[in-house]
Protein backbone atom coordinates (compact mmCIF):
# COMPACT_ATOMS: atom_id res chain seq x y z
CA MET A 1 -17.70 -35.50 -21.16
CA GLN A 2 -20.60 -34.71 -18.85
CA SER A 3 -21.82 -31.17 -19.09
CA GLY A 4 -22.25 -30.91 -15.32
CA ALA A 5 -18.66 -31.84 -14.48
CA LEU A 6 -17.50 -28.21 -14.10
CA THR A 7 -19.34 -25.15 -12.86
CA THR A 8 -18.58 -21.60 -13.94
CA SER A 9 -21.08 -19.77 -11.76
CA PRO A 10 -19.53 -17.70 -8.94
CA PRO A 11 -20.13 -18.77 -5.34
CA PRO A 12 -22.98 -17.12 -3.40
CA ALA A 13 -20.58 -14.93 -1.36
CA VAL A 14 -19.04 -13.50 -4.52
CA ARG A 15 -22.46 -12.82 -6.04
CA ALA A 16 -23.61 -11.12 -2.82
CA GLY A 17 -20.46 -8.98 -2.79
CA GLY A 18 -21.03 -7.99 -6.42
CA LEU A 19 -24.62 -7.00 -5.71
CA ALA A 20 -23.57 -4.96 -2.68
CA LEU A 21 -20.92 -3.16 -4.73
CA ALA A 22 -23.47 -2.48 -7.48
CA LEU A 23 -25.82 -1.03 -4.86
CA ALA A 24 -23.02 1.19 -3.54
CA VAL A 25 -22.30 2.41 -7.07
CA GLY A 26 -26.01 3.21 -7.43
CA VAL A 27 -25.95 5.28 -4.23
CA VAL A 28 -22.90 7.20 -5.47
CA ALA A 29 -24.66 7.80 -8.80
CA LEU A 30 -27.64 9.30 -6.94
CA LEU A 31 -25.28 11.54 -4.95
CA ALA A 32 -23.62 12.59 -8.20
CA ILE A 33 -27.00 13.52 -9.72
CA ALA A 34 -27.81 15.55 -6.60
CA SER A 35 -24.40 17.24 -6.88
CA VAL A 36 -25.17 18.25 -10.45
CA LEU A 37 -28.56 19.73 -9.55
CA VAL A 38 -27.68 21.47 -6.26
CA GLY A 39 -26.04 24.89 -6.27
CA ALA A 40 -26.49 28.63 -6.16
CA GLY A 41 -27.53 28.77 -9.81
CA ASP A 42 -31.00 27.59 -10.81
CA LEU A 43 -30.70 24.25 -12.59
CA THR A 44 -33.72 21.96 -12.88
CA PRO A 45 -34.46 18.87 -14.97
CA GLY A 46 -37.30 20.77 -16.59
CA ALA A 47 -34.99 23.54 -17.80
CA LEU A 48 -32.56 20.97 -19.21
CA LEU A 49 -35.31 19.06 -21.01
CA ALA A 50 -36.63 22.33 -22.43
CA GLY A 51 -33.23 23.07 -23.93
CA ASP A 52 -32.59 26.22 -21.88
CA GLY A 53 -29.24 27.50 -23.17
CA GLN A 54 -28.20 29.11 -19.89
CA ALA A 55 -29.03 25.97 -17.94
CA MET A 56 -27.06 23.82 -20.41
CA GLN A 57 -24.07 26.13 -20.19
CA LEU A 58 -24.17 25.96 -16.38
CA LEU A 59 -24.42 22.17 -16.55
CA LEU A 60 -21.54 21.65 -18.96
CA ALA A 61 -19.20 24.38 -17.76
CA SER A 62 -19.62 24.07 -14.00
CA ARG A 63 -21.81 21.33 -12.53
CA ILE A 64 -20.53 18.27 -14.45
CA PRO A 65 -16.85 19.28 -14.13
CA ARG A 66 -17.34 19.86 -10.40
CA THR A 67 -19.01 16.50 -9.87
CA LEU A 68 -16.35 14.69 -11.90
CA ALA A 69 -13.64 16.46 -9.90
CA ILE A 70 -15.22 15.35 -6.62
CA VAL A 71 -15.52 11.74 -7.77
CA LEU A 72 -11.95 11.60 -9.12
CA ALA A 73 -10.42 13.28 -6.07
CA GLY A 74 -12.40 11.18 -3.58
CA THR A 75 -11.55 7.94 -5.38
CA ALA A 76 -7.84 8.68 -5.66
CA MET A 77 -7.33 10.03 -2.13
CA ALA A 78 -9.11 7.06 -0.55
CA VAL A 79 -7.07 4.54 -2.55
CA SER A 80 -3.87 6.44 -1.75
CA GLY A 81 -4.66 6.25 1.95
CA MET A 82 -5.17 2.49 1.68
CA ILE A 83 -1.83 2.05 -0.12
CA MET A 84 -0.05 4.08 2.54
CA GLN A 85 -1.61 2.07 5.34
CA MET A 86 -0.67 -1.23 3.72
CA LEU A 87 2.94 -0.27 3.01
CA LEU A 88 3.54 1.28 6.45
CA ARG A 89 1.49 -1.44 8.18
CA ASN A 90 -0.39 1.09 10.26
CA ARG A 91 -4.10 1.94 10.16
CA PHE A 92 -3.68 5.53 11.27
CA VAL A 93 -1.62 6.97 8.42
CA GLU A 94 -2.67 8.77 5.26
CA PRO A 95 -1.34 11.79 3.33
CA SER A 96 -2.70 14.33 5.83
CA THR A 97 -1.22 12.47 8.86
CA ALA A 98 2.20 11.76 7.32
CA GLY A 99 3.31 15.23 6.22
CA THR A 100 2.66 14.43 2.56
CA ALA A 101 -0.10 16.97 1.96
CA GLU A 102 1.73 19.70 3.89
CA SER A 103 4.90 19.06 1.87
CA ALA A 104 2.90 19.40 -1.35
CA SER A 105 1.61 22.76 -0.11
CA LEU A 106 5.20 23.86 0.55
CA GLY A 107 6.04 22.86 -3.01
CA ILE A 108 3.22 25.02 -4.36
CA LEU A 109 4.40 28.01 -2.30
CA THR A 110 7.93 27.49 -3.61
CA THR A 111 6.71 27.70 -7.20
CA ILE A 112 4.73 30.86 -6.38
CA LEU A 113 7.87 32.45 -4.93
CA VAL A 114 10.45 31.25 -7.46
CA ALA A 115 8.48 30.87 -10.70
CA PRO A 116 5.00 32.41 -10.40
CA ALA A 117 4.40 32.09 -14.16
CA MET A 118 5.05 28.34 -14.15
CA PRO A 119 2.19 26.41 -15.81
CA LEU A 120 -0.12 24.28 -13.71
CA VAL A 121 1.56 21.05 -14.81
CA GLY A 122 4.90 22.39 -13.60
CA LYS A 123 3.41 23.35 -10.24
CA MET A 124 2.00 19.83 -9.96
CA ALA A 125 5.40 18.27 -10.70
CA VAL A 126 7.16 20.42 -8.09
CA ALA A 127 4.43 19.70 -5.53
CA ALA A 128 4.78 15.95 -6.24
CA ILE A 129 8.56 16.12 -5.69
CA PHE A 130 8.07 17.95 -2.39
CA ALA A 131 5.37 15.48 -1.33
CA LEU A 132 7.65 12.54 -2.11
CA ALA A 133 10.52 14.19 -0.21
CA GLY A 134 8.27 14.86 2.80
CA THR A 135 7.10 11.24 2.83
CA ALA A 136 10.71 10.03 2.58
CA ILE A 137 11.64 12.19 5.59
CA PHE A 138 8.68 10.73 7.47
CA LEU A 139 9.88 7.18 6.74
CA ALA A 140 13.45 8.06 7.71
CA ILE A 141 12.25 9.37 11.09
CA LEU A 142 10.20 6.23 11.69
CA ARG A 143 13.23 4.01 11.08
CA ARG A 144 15.06 5.73 13.92
CA LEU A 145 12.25 5.50 16.48
CA PRO A 146 11.23 2.56 18.69
CA LEU A 147 7.65 1.98 17.56
CA ARG A 148 6.18 0.54 20.74
CA SER A 149 2.67 1.73 19.89
CA VAL A 150 0.72 2.07 16.65
CA LEU A 151 -0.14 5.62 17.73
CA ILE A 152 3.49 6.74 17.47
CA VAL A 153 3.36 6.67 13.66
CA PRO A 154 0.48 9.13 13.14
CA LEU A 155 1.75 11.34 15.98
CA VAL A 156 5.13 11.60 14.27
CA GLY A 157 3.37 12.35 10.97
CA LEU A 158 1.20 15.04 12.53
CA MET A 159 4.21 16.67 14.19
CA LEU A 160 6.18 16.58 10.94
CA GLY A 161 3.20 18.00 9.08
CA GLY A 162 2.89 20.73 11.71
CA VAL A 163 6.55 21.72 11.27
CA VAL A 164 6.22 21.80 7.47
CA GLU A 165 2.95 23.74 7.67
CA ALA A 166 4.47 26.25 10.09
CA THR A 167 7.40 26.75 7.73
CA THR A 168 5.03 27.24 4.81
CA THR A 169 2.90 29.73 6.75
CA PHE A 170 5.98 31.69 7.89
CA LEU A 171 7.27 32.00 4.33
CA ALA A 172 3.83 32.99 3.06
CA PHE A 173 3.56 35.64 5.80
CA ARG A 174 7.08 36.87 5.12
CA TYR A 175 6.33 37.46 1.44
CA ASP A 176 2.68 38.55 1.90
CA LEU A 177 1.28 35.43 0.24
CA LEU A 178 -1.05 34.12 2.93
CA GLN A 179 -4.15 34.74 0.82
CA SER A 180 -2.62 33.07 -2.21
CA LEU A 181 -1.58 30.08 -0.13
CA ALA A 182 -5.05 29.76 1.38
CA ALA A 183 -6.61 29.91 -2.09
CA TRP A 184 -4.36 27.05 -3.24
CA THR A 185 -4.58 24.77 -0.21
CA THR A 186 -8.15 25.10 1.12
CA GLY A 187 -10.14 22.09 -0.04
CA ASP A 188 -12.87 23.70 -2.13
CA PHE A 189 -14.59 22.67 -5.36
CA SER A 190 -16.52 25.92 -5.89
CA ALA A 191 -13.92 27.24 -8.37
CA VAL A 192 -13.81 24.07 -10.46
CA LEU A 193 -14.82 24.76 -14.05
CA ARG A 194 -14.35 23.08 -17.40
CA GLY A 195 -10.67 23.35 -18.26
CA ARG A 196 -9.54 23.58 -14.61
CA TYR A 197 -10.03 20.04 -13.33
CA GLU A 198 -8.72 17.80 -16.14
CA MET A 199 -5.44 17.05 -14.35
CA LEU A 200 -7.46 14.94 -11.92
CA TRP A 201 -7.70 12.31 -14.66
CA ILE A 202 -4.05 11.64 -13.80
CA CYS A 203 -5.34 10.49 -10.42
CA PHE A 204 -7.75 8.14 -12.18
CA ALA A 205 -4.87 6.62 -14.15
CA LEU A 206 -2.83 6.19 -10.97
CA THR A 207 -5.80 4.54 -9.26
CA LEU A 208 -5.93 2.02 -12.10
CA ALA A 209 -2.18 1.48 -11.67
CA ALA A 210 -2.74 0.83 -7.96
CA TYR A 211 -5.41 -1.74 -8.81
CA ALA A 212 -3.05 -3.44 -11.27
CA ALA A 213 -0.40 -3.71 -8.54
CA ALA A 214 -2.91 -4.63 -5.82
CA ASP A 215 -1.55 -8.13 -5.19
CA ARG A 216 1.99 -6.78 -4.80
CA PHE A 217 0.79 -4.18 -2.29
CA THR A 218 -0.99 -6.93 -0.35
CA VAL A 219 2.19 -8.99 -0.12
CA ALA A 220 4.34 -5.95 0.68
CA GLY A 221 1.98 -5.15 3.54
CA LEU A 222 2.99 -8.44 5.20
CA GLY A 223 6.53 -7.15 5.77
CA GLN A 224 9.86 -6.93 3.99
CA SER A 225 11.10 -10.39 5.01
CA PHE A 226 7.90 -12.15 3.95
CA SER A 227 7.64 -10.33 0.61
CA THR A 228 11.33 -10.94 -0.15
CA ASN A 229 10.91 -14.67 0.54
CA LEU A 230 8.12 -14.70 -2.04
CA GLY A 231 10.41 -13.11 -4.64
CA LEU A 232 8.96 -9.60 -4.46
CA ASN A 233 11.29 -6.62 -4.62
CA HIS A 234 10.01 -4.86 -1.50
CA ARG A 235 11.96 -1.64 -2.06
CA ARG A 236 10.63 -1.32 -5.62
CA ILE A 237 6.99 -1.85 -4.66
CA LEU A 238 7.42 0.57 -1.74
CA SER A 239 8.80 3.18 -4.14
CA LEU A 240 5.92 2.59 -6.56
CA GLY A 241 3.36 3.03 -3.81
CA LEU A 242 4.95 6.22 -2.49
CA VAL A 243 5.17 7.71 -5.99
CA ILE A 244 1.47 6.99 -6.54
CA VAL A 245 0.53 8.51 -3.17
CA SER A 246 2.74 11.59 -3.62
CA THR A 247 1.57 12.29 -7.17
CA VAL A 248 -2.10 11.87 -6.31
CA THR A 249 -1.72 14.17 -3.29
CA ALA A 250 0.09 16.80 -5.37
CA VAL A 251 -2.51 16.73 -8.16
CA VAL A 252 -5.42 17.03 -5.70
CA VAL A 253 -3.75 19.86 -3.72
CA VAL A 254 -2.89 21.78 -6.90
CA THR A 255 -6.39 21.35 -8.34
CA VAL A 256 -8.78 21.64 -5.38
CA GLY A 257 -6.68 21.97 -2.22
CA THR A 258 -6.13 19.75 0.82
CA ILE A 259 -8.80 17.21 1.77
CA PRO A 260 -7.95 15.85 5.23
CA PHE A 261 -8.71 12.43 6.71
CA LEU A 262 -10.46 10.98 3.64
CA GLY A 263 -7.70 8.43 3.11
CA LEU A 264 -7.89 7.49 6.78
CA ILE A 265 -11.61 6.93 7.29
CA VAL A 266 -12.58 5.03 4.16
CA PRO A 267 -9.86 2.31 4.12
CA ASN A 268 -10.47 1.58 7.80
CA LEU A 269 -14.21 1.17 7.33
CA VAL A 270 -13.70 -1.04 4.29
CA SER A 271 -11.05 -3.10 6.08
CA MET A 272 -13.38 -3.73 9.01
CA THR A 273 -15.99 -4.97 6.56
CA ILE A 274 -14.17 -7.06 3.94
CA GLY A 275 -10.59 -7.47 5.18
CA ASP A 276 -7.17 -6.44 3.92
CA ASN A 277 -6.99 -7.98 0.44
CA VAL A 278 -6.09 -4.92 -1.63
CA ARG A 279 -7.43 -6.25 -4.94
CA ARG A 280 -10.81 -6.95 -3.39
CA ALA A 281 -10.82 -3.73 -1.38
CA VAL A 282 -9.81 -1.21 -4.07
CA PRO A 283 -13.25 -1.03 -5.78
CA TRP A 284 -14.96 -0.61 -2.41
CA VAL A 285 -12.47 2.02 -1.23
CA ALA A 286 -12.78 3.93 -4.52
CA VAL A 287 -16.60 3.94 -4.49
CA SER A 288 -16.80 4.78 -0.77
CA GLY A 289 -14.26 7.61 -1.11
CA ALA A 290 -16.23 9.18 -3.96
CA GLY A 291 -19.51 8.79 -2.07
CA LEU A 292 -18.19 10.28 1.17
CA LEU A 293 -16.67 13.30 -0.58
CA LEU A 294 -19.87 13.87 -2.58
CA ALA A 295 -21.90 13.75 0.63
CA CYS A 296 -19.56 16.20 2.42
CA ASP A 297 -19.65 18.57 -0.56
CA LEU A 298 -23.45 18.48 -0.61
CA ILE A 299 -23.53 19.24 3.12
CA GLY A 300 -21.23 22.20 2.58
CA ARG A 301 -23.48 23.55 -0.16
CA LEU A 302 -26.78 23.06 1.67
CA VAL A 303 -25.99 24.23 5.22
CA ARG A 304 -25.69 27.93 4.28
CA GLN A 305 -27.20 27.94 0.80
CA PRO A 306 -26.56 29.89 -1.42
CA TYR A 307 -23.17 30.26 0.33
CA GLU A 308 -20.78 27.34 0.67
CA ILE A 309 -18.68 25.82 3.41
CA PRO A 310 -15.47 24.44 1.85
CA VAL A 311 -15.52 20.68 1.59
CA GLY A 312 -12.13 20.55 3.30
CA THR A 313 -13.73 22.09 6.40
CA VAL A 314 -16.64 19.64 6.39
CA MET A 315 -14.29 16.72 5.77
CA GLY A 316 -12.04 17.94 8.58
CA VAL A 317 -14.93 17.91 11.06
CA VAL A 318 -16.17 14.48 9.96
CA GLY A 319 -12.66 13.07 9.65
CA SER A 320 -11.38 14.32 12.99
CA ALA A 321 -14.40 12.82 14.76
CA ALA A 322 -13.82 9.50 12.99
CA PHE A 323 -10.09 9.67 13.75
CA LEU A 324 -10.81 10.11 17.46
CA ALA A 325 -13.26 7.21 17.35
CA LEU A 326 -10.58 5.00 15.81
CA LEU A 327 -8.01 6.11 18.39
CA LEU A 328 -10.39 5.33 21.24
CA LYS A 329 -11.47 2.00 19.80
CA ARG A 330 -10.08 -0.86 21.89
CA GLY A 331 -9.65 -4.51 21.13
CA THR A 332 -9.45 -4.09 17.35
CA ARG A 333 -6.88 -5.27 14.84
CA PHE A 334 -5.70 -1.79 13.85
CA GLY A 335 -1.96 -1.54 13.45
């Protein structure tokens, strides 16, 4: 047999894509290093190399947990937004435009009212159930509406989210829990410490599960009839995707609060660049989501240093501007 009969080297396009992804990972790593070093407390490489005990304690107890929390939350929320867009076949949906995040907040308020001593894992489970129920209501409403425009879907989600948020705010006001609710739902990583972020590793596991089921999500995104003809149980894969999205949203809201628009911006930018193949897009979406959230958190820490602007506020400004740009964009393949 001739040794040159078969080739095992990847094509140039694949190699170029791998190099680009490696470069993106490098950029995120630099942002992560900056996140570790930037903050109100004095933390310098020199102090760490000198073995300063206070600097090491600050690094291990606060800075590294915070950076890991940002990376895990950004990765999971971006991938969740992509899954939601594929399953609903609409480029303008994500947990914060489908009532999912608001329903999770209502779940947290319910646990505060009914069982304030419930452990954090219990609060997460209740918030996940409420998030799943809110998403199911959103889907039920969509089935009863004539969807003549791709903009109807996010508008319905925003209205549903507004109703749920208004209900949550009314209950919090009624029982004098507005401050507690704001503390739970405002997207902010300043309170993240060692021992208070570890539940976000659940999001990492669910992101891996989404990558494992990437091909099924790709097929399901082509429609129920097409996926059924290929032998895929469309209802089962839809349920799997919604469980992943709801659980990730609940974990992030319980741990660090609501982070709006992240799952909307990143999947759209990645889709415009490399297409809609979920297996190929997941690594890019994950890396880009982590990088964008790291950048927004750094902006929030540097604008009024040593004070902080919550990352949810920064992400809301950036995300709303990007959302408007997508809405105004004409002649694209969104939807």
